[in-house]
Amino acid sequence: TYQGLLALPGVGDYTASAIASAAFGRREAAVDGNVLRVVMRLTDCRDDIADPKVKKAVRAQIQAVMPEAEADIRVFNQATMELGATVCAPNGPPRCLECPAMAFCQGRLRGTAEDLPVKGAKKPRRVEEKTVFLLVRDGKIALRKRPGTGLLAGLWEFPNVEGALDEAAAGAAVSVWGLEPRQWESRLTAKHIFTHVEWHMTGYTLEVAGDGPADFVWADAGALSDRAVPSAFGRYYTEAAARLKEE
């Protein structure tokens, strides 16, 4: 079902609808960017397609006119997506004279199709400063699991704190974890861009003594490769793997 698919991690509205209709013949409208553009032009709608409420309203509109038979549902969703990808296309004027909907498309009849859809300016990404630690102890490096909800939920990360810390402040942060800095080895900077946020990272590799917090896992090279560390920490992962290889 659509709701069952939507409950899966990483599955959003479009993916759930597309799978439910294509794989299981469910009467669910699959609204991607192409379909959204087609409907905005068909109805001469000037609402901002960046507004989630608008996309929800479009899905309801399409849902109301979808066919009932399984085979027709699959064809309908595929056809509306294909129409937007090939005829009512982005990045240029729509090919209205080739469109099967030309007779009733309000955007074509009113001469507004080329100006649609309306999309508001994106909000600038929020920049977050982080300090990432490659904490080395007895040939192993500290990892911890991220929270079960939110950005990169449930994946593994190298311990980090908010802010771009200099070495003195970084040493104090390590001490708060109950670890003793023994030898500072390298400093690495990196940046990772998500959809709505940008991480600017300062990283330190250092030898430490002590056990650290209970949620720290001390991983050797094999344990590191077995754990899912997101690409946001890619530069630090490469450094960690190289450092453990030396052990």
C-alpha atoms as a PDB file:
ATOM      1  CA  THR A   1       0.000   0.000   0.000  1.00  0.00           C
ATOM      2  CA  TYR A   2       0.966   3.643  -0.381  1.00  0.00           C
ATOM      3  CA  GLN A   3       0.949   4.131   3.401  1.00  0.00           C
ATOM      4  CA  GLY A   4       3.010   0.998   3.955  1.00  0.00           C
ATOM      5  CA  LEU A   5       5.631   2.122   1.458  1.00  0.00           C
ATOM      6  CA  LEU A   6       5.645   5.644   2.878  1.00  0.00           C
ATOM      7  CA  ALA A   7       6.533   4.204   6.294  1.00  0.00           C
ATOM      8  CA  LEU A   8       9.825   2.821   4.948  1.00  0.00           C
ATOM      9  CA  PRO A   9      12.951   4.875   5.750  1.00  0.00           C
ATOM     10  CA  GLY A  10      13.955   7.161   2.903  1.00  0.00           C
ATOM     11  CA  VAL A  11      10.732   6.681   0.919  1.00  0.00           C
ATOM     12  CA  GLY A  12       8.787   9.861   0.189  1.00  0.00           C
ATOM     13  CA  ASP A  13       5.445  10.623  -1.413  1.00  0.00           C
ATOM     14  CA  TYR A  14       6.483  10.293  -5.054  1.00  0.00           C
ATOM     15  CA  THR A  15       8.447   7.061  -4.581  1.00  0.00           C
ATOM     16  CA  ALA A  16       5.659   5.476  -2.542  1.00  0.00           C
ATOM     17  CA  SER A  17       3.039   6.453  -5.123  1.00  0.00           C
ATOM     18  CA  ALA A  18       5.126   5.319  -8.097  1.00  0.00           C
ATOM     19  CA  ILE A  19       5.882   1.903  -6.578  1.00  0.00           C
ATOM     20  CA  ALA A  20       2.320   1.390  -5.331  1.00  0.00           C
ATOM     21  CA  SER A  21       0.870   2.103  -8.769  1.00  0.00           C
ATOM     22  CA  ALA A  22       3.497   0.490 -11.018  1.00  0.00           C
ATOM     23  CA  ALA A  23       4.253  -2.611  -8.943  1.00  0.00           C
ATOM     24  CA  PHE A  24       0.911  -3.218  -7.237  1.00  0.00           C
ATOM     25  CA  GLY A  25      -1.685  -1.478  -9.401  1.00  0.00           C
ATOM     26  CA  ARG A  26      -2.806   0.806  -6.587  1.00  0.00           C
ATOM     27  CA  ARG A  27      -4.778   3.919  -7.486  1.00  0.00           C
ATOM     28  CA  GLU A  28      -2.124   6.405  -6.352  1.00  0.00           C
ATOM     29  CA  ALA A  29      -1.074   9.527  -8.252  1.00  0.00           C
ATOM     30  CA  ALA A  30       2.696   9.719  -8.747  1.00  0.00           C
ATOM     31  CA  VAL A  31       3.554  13.435  -8.804  1.00  0.00           C
ATOM     32  CA  ASP A  32       7.112  14.239  -9.822  1.00  0.00           C
ATOM     33  CA  GLY A  33       8.411  17.553 -11.169  1.00  0.00           C
ATOM     34  CA  ASN A  34       7.227  16.714 -14.689  1.00  0.00           C
ATOM     35  CA  VAL A  35       3.666  15.997 -13.589  1.00  0.00           C
ATOM     36  CA  LEU A  36       3.593  19.091 -11.422  1.00  0.00           C
ATOM     37  CA  ARG A  37       4.609  21.230 -14.397  1.00  0.00           C
ATOM     38  CA  VAL A  38       1.958  19.632 -16.662  1.00  0.00           C
ATOM     39  CA  VAL A  39      -0.835  20.325 -14.192  1.00  0.00           C
ATOM     40  CA  MET A  40       0.262  23.905 -13.559  1.00  0.00           C
ATOM     41  CA  ARG A  41       0.108  24.578 -17.306  1.00  0.00           C
ATOM     42  CA  LEU A  42      -3.079  22.627 -17.913  1.00  0.00           C
ATOM     43  CA  THR A  43      -4.903  24.609 -15.245  1.00  0.00           C
ATOM     44  CA  ASP A  44      -3.043  27.930 -15.708  1.00  0.00           C
ATOM     45  CA  CYS A  45      -2.199  27.813 -12.018  1.00  0.00           C
ATOM     46  CA  ARG A  46       0.162  30.492 -10.666  1.00  0.00           C
ATOM     47  CA  ASP A  47       0.723  28.947  -7.249  1.00  0.00           C
ATOM     48  CA  ASP A  48       4.323  28.435  -6.113  1.00  0.00           C
ATOM     49  CA  ILE A  49       5.295  24.816  -6.804  1.00  0.00           C
ATOM     50  CA  ALA A  50       7.981  25.072  -4.114  1.00  0.00           C
ATOM     51  CA  ASP A  51       5.170  25.179  -1.543  1.00  0.00           C
ATOM     52  CA  PRO A  52       4.449  21.644  -0.231  1.00  0.00           C
ATOM     53  CA  LYS A  53       0.764  22.544   0.062  1.00  0.00           C
ATOM     54  CA  VAL A  54       0.604  23.146  -3.685  1.00  0.00           C
ATOM     55  CA  LYS A  55       2.092  19.747  -4.482  1.00  0.00           C
ATOM     56  CA  LYS A  56      -0.369  18.129  -2.088  1.00  0.00           C
ATOM     57  CA  ALA A  57      -3.265  19.916  -3.802  1.00  0.00           C
ATOM     58  CA  VAL A  58      -2.048  18.809  -7.247  1.00  0.00           C
ATOM     59  CA  ARG A  59      -1.849  15.208  -6.066  1.00  0.00           C
ATOM     60  CA  ALA A  60      -5.458  15.447  -4.882  1.00  0.00           C
ATOM     61  CA  GLN A  61      -6.511  16.873  -8.270  1.00  0.00           C
ATOM     62  CA  ILE A  62      -4.887  14.034 -10.169  1.00  0.00           C
ATOM     63  CA  GLN A  63      -6.165  11.435  -7.726  1.00  0.00           C
ATOM     64  CA  ALA A  64      -9.733  12.592  -8.468  1.00  0.00           C
ATOM     65  CA  VAL A  65      -9.448  11.861 -12.202  1.00  0.00           C
ATOM     66  CA  MET A  66      -7.358   8.690 -12.183  1.00  0.00           C
ATOM     67  CA  PRO A  67      -8.782   5.569 -13.844  1.00  0.00           C
ATOM     68  CA  GLU A  68      -9.856   2.574 -11.787  1.00  0.00           C
ATOM     69  CA  ALA A  69      -8.435  -0.422 -13.678  1.00  0.00           C
ATOM     70  CA  GLU A  70      -4.936  -1.563 -12.680  1.00  0.00           C
ATOM     71  CA  ALA A  71      -3.539  -1.511 -16.211  1.00  0.00           C
ATOM     72  CA  ASP A  72      -4.987   1.950 -16.847  1.00  0.00           C
ATOM     73  CA  ILE A  73      -3.548   3.275 -13.578  1.00  0.00           C
ATOM     74  CA  ARG A  74      -0.047   2.253 -14.664  1.00  0.00           C
ATOM     75  CA  VAL A  75      -0.501   3.789 -18.113  1.00  0.00           C
ATOM     76  CA  PHE A  76      -1.989   6.993 -16.699  1.00  0.00           C
ATOM     77  CA  ASN A  77       0.887   7.667 -14.298  1.00  0.00           C
ATOM     78  CA  GLN A  78       3.528   6.768 -16.875  1.00  0.00           C
ATOM     79  CA  ALA A  79       1.838   8.887 -19.532  1.00  0.00           C
ATOM     80  CA  THR A  80       1.574  12.019 -17.394  1.00  0.00           C
ATOM     81  CA  MET A  81       5.231  11.742 -16.379  1.00  0.00           C
ATOM     82  CA  GLU A  82       6.272  11.121 -20.000  1.00  0.00           C
ATOM     83  CA  LEU A  83       4.216  14.069 -21.227  1.00  0.00           C
ATOM     84  CA  GLY A  84       6.109  16.368 -18.886  1.00  0.00           C
ATOM     85  CA  ALA A  85       9.480  14.844 -19.777  1.00  0.00           C
ATOM     86  CA  THR A  86       9.148  14.975 -23.561  1.00  0.00           C
ATOM     87  CA  VAL A  87       6.483  17.512 -24.647  1.00  0.00           C
ATOM     88  CA  CYS A  88       5.523  19.802 -21.778  1.00  0.00           C
ATOM     89  CA  ALA A  89       9.214  19.857 -20.978  1.00  0.00           C
ATOM     90  CA  PRO A  90      11.429  21.949 -18.690  1.00  0.00           C
ATOM     91  CA  ASN A  91      14.242  24.282 -19.739  1.00  0.00           C
ATOM     92  CA  GLY A  92      12.564  25.681 -22.816  1.00  0.00           C
ATOM     93  CA  PRO A  93       9.164  26.407 -24.370  1.00  0.00           C
ATOM     94  CA  PRO A  94       6.562  23.622 -24.271  1.00  0.00           C
ATOM     95  CA  ARG A  95       5.855  21.879 -27.590  1.00  0.00           C
ATOM     96  CA  CYS A  96       2.169  22.730 -27.446  1.00  0.00           C
ATOM     97  CA  LEU A  97       1.332  21.850 -31.070  1.00  0.00           C
ATOM     98  CA  GLU A  98       2.472  18.259 -30.441  1.00  0.00           C
ATOM     99  CA  CYS A  99       0.592  17.898 -27.166  1.00  0.00           C
ATOM    100  CA  PRO A 100      -2.466  15.646 -26.870  1.00  0.00           C
ATOM    101  CA  ALA A 101      -3.858  18.066 -24.273  1.00  0.00           C
ATOM    102  CA  MET A 102      -3.570  21.176 -26.449  1.00  0.00           C
ATOM    103  CA  ALA A 103      -7.336  21.538 -26.984  1.00  0.00           C
ATOM    104  CA  PHE A 104      -8.100  21.979 -23.290  1.00  0.00           C
ATOM    105  CA  CYS A 105      -4.809  23.248 -21.816  1.00  0.00           C
ATOM    106  CA  GLN A 106      -5.573  26.585 -20.188  1.00  0.00           C
ATOM    107  CA  GLY A 107      -1.933  27.620 -20.285  1.00  0.00           C
ATOM    108  CA  ARG A 108      -1.842  27.240 -24.080  1.00  0.00           C
ATOM    109  CA  LEU A 109      -5.262  28.836 -24.637  1.00  0.00           C
ATOM    110  CA  ARG A 110      -4.372  31.852 -22.495  1.00  0.00           C
ATOM    111  CA  GLY A 111      -0.793  32.133 -23.736  1.00  0.00           C
ATOM    112  CA  THR A 112       0.737  31.618 -20.307  1.00  0.00           C
ATOM    113  CA  ALA A 113       2.263  28.148 -20.700  1.00  0.00           C
ATOM    114  CA  GLU A 114       5.823  29.406 -21.207  1.00  0.00           C
ATOM    115  CA  ASP A 115       5.643  31.373 -17.947  1.00  0.00           C
ATOM    116  CA  LEU A 116       4.583  28.360 -15.903  1.00  0.00           C
ATOM    117  CA  PRO A 117       5.177  26.853 -13.461  1.00  0.00           C
ATOM    118  CA  VAL A 118       5.908  29.548 -10.906  1.00  0.00           C
ATOM    119  CA  LYS A 119       8.670  28.627  -8.509  1.00  0.00           C
ATOM    120  CA  GLY A 120       9.741  30.860  -5.647  1.00  0.00           C
ATOM    121  CA  ALA A 121      13.385  31.509  -4.920  1.00  0.00           C
ATOM    122  CA  LYS A 122      15.107  28.876  -2.813  1.00  0.00           C
ATOM    123  CA  LYS A 123      16.011  29.801   0.717  1.00  0.00           C
ATOM    124  CA  PRO A 124      19.780  29.994   1.198  1.00  0.00           C
ATOM    125  CA  ARG A 125      21.271  26.927   2.825  1.00  0.00           C
ATOM    126  CA  ARG A 126      22.041  27.184   6.510  1.00  0.00           C
ATOM    127  CA  VAL A 127      25.772  26.904   7.233  1.00  0.00           C
ATOM    128  CA  GLU A 128      26.819  24.837  10.250  1.00  0.00           C
ATOM    129  CA  GLU A 129      30.387  24.766  11.574  1.00  0.00           C
ATOM    130  CA  LYS A 130      31.558  21.449  13.036  1.00  0.00           C
ATOM    131  CA  THR A 131      34.746  20.062  14.514  1.00  0.00           C
ATOM    132  CA  VAL A 132      35.296  16.373  13.732  1.00  0.00           C
ATOM    133  CA  PHE A 133      37.657  14.129  15.702  1.00  0.00           C
ATOM    134  CA  LEU A 134      39.589  11.082  14.524  1.00  0.00           C
ATOM    135  CA  LEU A 135      40.431   9.756  17.970  1.00  0.00           C
ATOM    136  CA  VAL A 136      43.054   6.992  17.772  1.00  0.00           C
ATOM    137  CA  ARG A 137      43.661   4.580  20.646  1.00  0.00           C
ATOM    138  CA  ASP A 138      45.530   1.268  20.498  1.00  0.00           C
ATOM    139  CA  GLY A 139      45.192   0.972  16.741  1.00  0.00           C
ATOM    140  CA  LYS A 140      41.479   1.777  16.734  1.00  0.00           C
ATOM    141  CA  ILE A 141      39.385   4.855  15.961  1.00  0.00           C
ATOM    142  CA  ALA A 142      36.317   6.082  17.822  1.00  0.00           C
ATOM    143  CA  LEU A 143      32.899   5.939  16.141  1.00  0.00           C
ATOM    144  CA  ARG A 144      29.437   6.630  17.461  1.00  0.00           C
ATOM    145  CA  LYS A 145      25.956   6.137  16.059  1.00  0.00           C
ATOM    146  CA  ARG A 146      23.861   9.159  15.104  1.00  0.00           C
ATOM    147  CA  PRO A 147      20.355   9.561  16.607  1.00  0.00           C
ATOM    148  CA  GLY A 148      17.548   7.464  15.163  1.00  0.00           C
ATOM    149  CA  THR A 149      15.758  10.508  13.756  1.00  0.00           C
ATOM    150  CA  GLY A 150      16.826  13.566  11.799  1.00  0.00           C
ATOM    151  CA  LEU A 151      19.678  14.094   9.339  1.00  0.00           C
ATOM    152  CA  LEU A 152      21.670  10.905   8.564  1.00  0.00           C
ATOM    153  CA  ALA A 153      19.591   9.041  11.149  1.00  0.00           C
ATOM    154  CA  GLY A 154      21.057   5.822  12.503  1.00  0.00           C
ATOM    155  CA  LEU A 155      24.327   6.025  10.563  1.00  0.00           C
ATOM    156  CA  TRP A 156      27.810   6.009  12.077  1.00  0.00           C
ATOM    157  CA  GLU A 157      29.938   9.109  12.475  1.00  0.00           C
ATOM    158  CA  PHE A 158      33.227  10.238  13.893  1.00  0.00           C
ATOM    159  CA  PRO A 159      32.689  12.125  17.160  1.00  0.00           C
ATOM    160  CA  ASN A 160      32.114  15.807  16.501  1.00  0.00           C
ATOM    161  CA  VAL A 161      30.979  18.984  18.197  1.00  0.00           C
ATOM    162  CA  GLU A 162      29.443  22.237  17.018  1.00  0.00           C
ATOM    163  CA  GLY A 163      31.737  25.109  16.046  1.00  0.00           C
ATOM    164  CA  ALA A 164      35.112  25.503  14.352  1.00  0.00           C
ATOM    165  CA  LEU A 165      37.464  24.889  17.296  1.00  0.00           C
ATOM    166  CA  ASP A 166      41.142  25.730  17.425  1.00  0.00           C
ATOM    167  CA  GLU A 167      43.515  23.155  18.900  1.00  0.00           C
ATOM    168  CA  ALA A 168      43.177  24.428  22.463  1.00  0.00           C
ATOM    169  CA  ALA A 169      39.367  24.355  22.388  1.00  0.00           C
ATOM    170  CA  ALA A 170      39.439  21.003  20.601  1.00  0.00           C
ATOM    171  CA  GLY A 171      41.632  19.583  23.356  1.00  0.00           C
ATOM    172  CA  ALA A 172      39.161  20.802  25.961  1.00  0.00           C
ATOM    173  CA  ALA A 173      36.301  19.101  24.081  1.00  0.00           C
ATOM    174  CA  VAL A 174      38.228  15.813  24.050  1.00  0.00           C
ATOM    175  CA  SER A 175      38.837  16.120  27.790  1.00  0.00           C
ATOM    176  CA  VAL A 176      35.086  16.528  28.371  1.00  0.00           C
ATOM    177  CA  TRP A 177      34.672  13.057  26.844  1.00  0.00           C
ATOM    178  CA  GLY A 178      37.023  11.692  29.506  1.00  0.00           C
ATOM    179  CA  LEU A 179      39.927  11.258  27.090  1.00  0.00           C
ATOM    180  CA  GLU A 180      43.467  12.531  27.384  1.00  0.00           C
ATOM    181  CA  PRO A 181      45.077  13.991  24.230  1.00  0.00           C
ATOM    182  CA  ARG A 182      48.517  12.418  23.793  1.00  0.00           C
ATOM    183  CA  GLN A 183      49.680  13.426  20.315  1.00  0.00           C
ATOM    184  CA  TRP A 184      48.162  15.722  17.693  1.00  0.00           C
ATOM    185  CA  GLU A 185      48.820  14.325  14.212  1.00  0.00           C
ATOM    186  CA  SER A 186      46.935  16.277  11.526  1.00  0.00           C
ATOM    187  CA  ARG A 187      44.297  18.901  10.828  1.00  0.00           C
ATOM    188  CA  LEU A 188      41.827  18.444   7.959  1.00  0.00           C
ATOM    189  CA  THR A 189      39.109  20.739   6.657  1.00  0.00           C
ATOM    190  CA  ALA A 190      36.144  19.602   4.570  1.00  0.00           C
ATOM    191  CA  LYS A 191      32.761  20.758   3.351  1.00  0.00           C
ATOM    192  CA  HIS A 192      29.573  18.831   2.600  1.00  0.00           C
ATOM    193  CA  ILE A 193      26.403  20.239   1.048  1.00  0.00           C
ATOM    194  CA  PHE A 194      22.955  18.861   1.849  1.00  0.00           C
ATOM    195  CA  THR A 195      19.711  20.211   0.364  1.00  0.00           C
ATOM    196  CA  HIS A 196      19.032  22.724   3.141  1.00  0.00           C
ATOM    197  CA  VAL A 197      22.232  22.833   5.150  1.00  0.00           C
ATOM    198  CA  GLU A 198      25.958  23.098   4.480  1.00  0.00           C
ATOM    199  CA  TRP A 199      28.537  21.619   6.841  1.00  0.00           C
ATOM    200  CA  HIS A 200      31.908  23.349   7.147  1.00  0.00           C
ATOM    201  CA  MET A 201      34.146  20.972   9.049  1.00  0.00           C
ATOM    202  CA  THR A 202      37.458  21.292  10.841  1.00  0.00           C
ATOM    203  CA  GLY A 203      38.959  17.918  11.738  1.00  0.00           C
ATOM    204  CA  TYR A 204      41.748  16.709  14.008  1.00  0.00           C
ATOM    205  CA  THR A 205      43.530  13.373  14.109  1.00  0.00           C
ATOM    206  CA  LEU A 206      45.058  12.681  17.508  1.00  0.00           C
ATOM    207  CA  GLU A 207      46.225   9.870  19.742  1.00  0.00           C
ATOM    208  CA  VAL A 208      44.280   9.652  22.992  1.00  0.00           C
ATOM    209  CA  ALA A 209      44.154   7.637  26.176  1.00  0.00           C
ATOM    210  CA  GLY A 210      41.026   6.613  28.061  1.00  0.00           C
ATOM    211  CA  ASP A 211      37.728   4.900  27.280  1.00  0.00           C
ATOM    212  CA  GLY A 212      35.533   7.846  26.368  1.00  0.00           C
ATOM    213  CA  PRO A 213      31.714   7.920  26.614  1.00  0.00           C
ATOM    214  CA  ALA A 214      29.663   4.721  26.652  1.00  0.00           C
ATOM    215  CA  ASP A 215      28.359   5.331  23.124  1.00  0.00           C
ATOM    216  CA  PHE A 216      31.862   5.330  21.607  1.00  0.00           C
ATOM    217  CA  VAL A 217      32.811   2.221  19.623  1.00  0.00           C
ATOM    218  CA  TRP A 218      36.544   1.726  19.058  1.00  0.00           C
ATOM    219  CA  ALA A 219      36.840   0.297  15.553  1.00  0.00           C
ATOM    220  CA  ASP A 220      39.786  -1.337  13.817  1.00  0.00           C
ATOM    221  CA  ALA A 221      40.071  -1.286  10.009  1.00  0.00           C
ATOM    222  CA  GLY A 222      37.641  -4.178   9.553  1.00  0.00           C
ATOM    223  CA  ALA A 223      35.056  -2.771  11.944  1.00  0.00           C
ATOM    224  CA  LEU A 224      35.274   0.619  10.241  1.00  0.00           C
ATOM    225  CA  SER A 225      34.613  -0.872   6.793  1.00  0.00           C
ATOM    226  CA  ASP A 226      31.667  -2.859   8.175  1.00  0.00           C
ATOM    227  CA  ARG A 227      29.862   0.256   9.385  1.00  0.00           C
ATOM    228  CA  ALA A 228      27.835   2.704   7.322  1.00  0.00           C
ATOM    229  CA  VAL A 229      29.614   6.052   7.607  1.00  0.00           C
ATOM    230  CA  PRO A 230      27.863   8.654   5.385  1.00  0.00           C
ATOM    231  CA  SER A 231      29.683  10.435   2.576  1.00  0.00           C
ATOM    232  CA  ALA A 232      29.399  13.700   4.526  1.00  0.00           C
ATOM    233  CA  PHE A 233      32.396  12.401   6.479  1.00  0.00           C
ATOM    234  CA  GLY A 234      34.115  11.087   3.327  1.00  0.00           C
ATOM    235  CA  ARG A 235      37.410  12.918   3.735  1.00  0.00           C
ATOM    236  CA  TYR A 236      37.661  11.828   7.361  1.00  0.00           C
ATOM    237  CA  TYR A 237      36.737   8.247   6.491  1.00  0.00           C
ATOM    238  CA  THR A 238      39.570   8.125   3.948  1.00  0.00           C
ATOM    239  CA  GLU A 239      41.988   9.538   6.509  1.00  0.00           C
ATOM    240  CA  ALA A 240      40.778   7.100   9.174  1.00  0.00           C
ATOM    241  CA  ALA A 241      41.131   4.080   6.864  1.00  0.00           C
ATOM    242  CA  ALA A 242      44.659   5.143   5.895  1.00  0.00           C
ATOM    243  CA  ARG A 243      45.605   5.725   9.536  1.00  0.00           C
ATOM    244  CA  LEU A 244      44.337   2.302  10.615  1.00  0.00           C
ATOM    245  CA  LYS A 245      46.146   0.652   7.703  1.00  0.00           C
ATOM    246  CA  GLU A 246      49.399   1.920   9.196  1.00  0.00           C
ATOM    247  CA  GLU A 247      48.719   0.089  12.470  1.00  0.00           C
END
